[in-house]
Amino acid sequence: MPEVTIKYKSSKTLKVLKALSEYLDFSFPASPSKSKKNTIINGVHIIPGDSTVDISEMEKIFTGKKIDAKKLRERSWQRNK
């Protein structure tokens, strides 16, 4: 079955498309999150994080190191000019 991606800005457009789908015999994907997986912003592919990842193994790396999350972010995101 061919697929088409329709981008819209207003939630009213979605309501109209759903109403038209009854008459024109087309369907929407089962989960709207599928379309969000391929999000591209300024040429960068955005991949959603996986909340099921077990980070307990990383705990022993960072425990007792006195690492402050704020300082770590500031040092990590420095641009080299």
C-alpha atoms as a PDB file:
ATOM      1  CA  MET A   1       0.000   0.000   0.000  1.00  0.00           C
ATOM      2  CA  PRO A   2       1.467   3.415  -0.930  1.00  0.00           C
ATOM      3  CA  GLU A   3       2.131   5.872   1.879  1.00  0.00           C
ATOM      4  CA  VAL A   4       1.934   9.658   1.933  1.00  0.00           C
ATOM      5  CA  THR A   5       3.258  12.042   4.581  1.00  0.00           C
ATOM      6  CA  ILE A   6       1.164  15.144   5.198  1.00  0.00           C
ATOM      7  CA  LYS A   7       2.614  17.962   7.268  1.00  0.00           C
ATOM      8  CA  TYR A   8       0.223  20.377   8.915  1.00  0.00           C
ATOM      9  CA  LYS A   9       0.435  23.205  11.428  1.00  0.00           C
ATOM     10  CA  SER A  10      -3.072  23.347  12.856  1.00  0.00           C
ATOM     11  CA  SER A  11      -4.911  20.706  14.862  1.00  0.00           C
ATOM     12  CA  LYS A  12      -8.022  21.671  12.878  1.00  0.00           C
ATOM     13  CA  THR A  13      -6.340  20.260   9.778  1.00  0.00           C
ATOM     14  CA  LEU A  14      -5.979  16.902  11.494  1.00  0.00           C
ATOM     15  CA  LYS A  15      -9.691  16.861  12.310  1.00  0.00           C
ATOM     16  CA  VAL A  16     -10.525  17.608   8.675  1.00  0.00           C
ATOM     17  CA  LEU A  17      -8.184  14.878   7.456  1.00  0.00           C
ATOM     18  CA  LYS A  18      -9.763  12.356   9.816  1.00  0.00           C
ATOM     19  CA  ALA A  19     -13.223  13.296   8.549  1.00  0.00           C
ATOM     20  CA  LEU A  20     -12.068  12.960   4.941  1.00  0.00           C
ATOM     21  CA  SER A  21     -10.526   9.581   5.657  1.00  0.00           C
ATOM     22  CA  GLU A  22     -13.976   8.106   6.208  1.00  0.00           C
ATOM     23  CA  TYR A  23     -15.121   9.166   2.736  1.00  0.00           C
ATOM     24  CA  LEU A  24     -11.904   8.679   0.774  1.00  0.00           C
ATOM     25  CA  ASP A  25     -10.920   5.349   2.373  1.00  0.00           C
ATOM     26  CA  PHE A  26      -7.468   6.130   3.747  1.00  0.00           C
ATOM     27  CA  SER A  27      -6.090   5.482   7.200  1.00  0.00           C
ATOM     28  CA  PHE A  28      -3.754   6.975   9.763  1.00  0.00           C
ATOM     29  CA  PRO A  29      -0.827   5.114  11.342  1.00  0.00           C
ATOM     30  CA  ALA A  30      -1.629   3.229  14.532  1.00  0.00           C
ATOM     31  CA  SER A  31       0.804   5.303  16.589  1.00  0.00           C
ATOM     32  CA  PRO A  32       1.663   8.906  15.770  1.00  0.00           C
ATOM     33  CA  SER A  33       5.043   8.496  17.492  1.00  0.00           C
ATOM     34  CA  LYS A  34       6.375   6.703  14.390  1.00  0.00           C
ATOM     35  CA  SER A  35       6.402   9.956  12.452  1.00  0.00           C
ATOM     36  CA  LYS A  36       8.318  11.670  15.261  1.00  0.00           C
ATOM     37  CA  LYS A  37      11.181   9.170  14.998  1.00  0.00           C
ATOM     38  CA  ASN A  38      12.280  10.704  11.702  1.00  0.00           C
ATOM     39  CA  THR A  39      12.252  14.310  12.867  1.00  0.00           C
ATOM     40  CA  ILE A  40      14.888  16.510  11.241  1.00  0.00           C
ATOM     41  CA  ILE A  41      15.741  19.947  12.643  1.00  0.00           C
ATOM     42  CA  ASN A  42      18.280  22.084  10.780  1.00  0.00           C
ATOM     43  CA  GLY A  43      19.586  18.991   8.995  1.00  0.00           C
ATOM     44  CA  VAL A  44      20.113  17.027  12.232  1.00  0.00           C
ATOM     45  CA  HIS A  45      18.191  13.782  12.749  1.00  0.00           C
ATOM     46  CA  ILE A  46      16.517  13.829  16.153  1.00  0.00           C
ATOM     47  CA  ILE A  47      16.333  10.402  17.772  1.00  0.00           C
ATOM     48  CA  PRO A  48      14.142  10.107  20.871  1.00  0.00           C
ATOM     49  CA  GLY A  49      15.799   8.685  23.985  1.00  0.00           C
ATOM     50  CA  ASP A  50      15.079   5.157  25.150  1.00  0.00           C
ATOM     51  CA  SER A  51      13.685   5.188  28.679  1.00  0.00           C
ATOM     52  CA  THR A  52      14.173   1.418  29.040  1.00  0.00           C
ATOM     53  CA  VAL A  53      17.984   1.648  29.083  1.00  0.00           C
ATOM     54  CA  ASP A  54      19.518   0.257  32.283  1.00  0.00           C
ATOM     55  CA  ILE A  55      22.037   2.828  33.544  1.00  0.00           C
ATOM     56  CA  SER A  56      22.886   0.979  36.766  1.00  0.00           C
ATOM     57  CA  GLU A  57      26.193  -0.214  35.242  1.00  0.00           C
ATOM     58  CA  MET A  58      27.298   3.397  34.809  1.00  0.00           C
ATOM     59  CA  GLU A  59      26.712   4.100  38.481  1.00  0.00           C
ATOM     60  CA  LYS A  60      30.088   2.684  39.523  1.00  0.00           C
ATOM     61  CA  ILE A  61      31.863   4.968  37.033  1.00  0.00           C
ATOM     62  CA  PHE A  62      30.436   8.184  38.493  1.00  0.00           C
ATOM     63  CA  THR A  63      30.007   7.255  42.166  1.00  0.00           C
ATOM     64  CA  GLY A  64      32.538   8.910  44.466  1.00  0.00           C
ATOM     65  CA  LYS A  65      34.008  11.155  41.740  1.00  0.00           C
ATOM     66  CA  LYS A  66      32.329  14.338  43.042  1.00  0.00           C
ATOM     67  CA  ILE A  67      31.095  15.196  39.556  1.00  0.00           C
ATOM     68  CA  ASP A  68      28.630  18.075  39.429  1.00  0.00           C
ATOM     69  CA  ALA A  69      26.150  17.710  36.545  1.00  0.00           C
ATOM     70  CA  LYS A  70      26.075  21.448  35.865  1.00  0.00           C
ATOM     71  CA  LYS A  71      29.861  21.730  35.629  1.00  0.00           C
ATOM     72  CA  LEU A  72      30.023  18.608  33.481  1.00  0.00           C
ATOM     73  CA  ARG A  73      27.521  20.077  31.006  1.00  0.00           C
ATOM     74  CA  GLU A  74      29.366  23.396  30.910  1.00  0.00           C
ATOM     75  CA  ARG A  75      32.706  21.718  30.178  1.00  0.00           C
ATOM     76  CA  SER A  76      31.226  19.280  27.658  1.00  0.00           C
ATOM     77  CA  TRP A  77      29.450  21.883  25.557  1.00  0.00           C
ATOM     78  CA  GLN A  78      32.378  24.281  25.112  1.00  0.00           C
ATOM     79  CA  ARG A  79      33.034  25.350  21.529  1.00  0.00           C
ATOM     80  CA  ASN A  80      36.626  25.374  20.413  1.00  0.00           C
ATOM     81  CA  LYS A  81      37.209  28.570  18.466  1.00  0.00           C
END
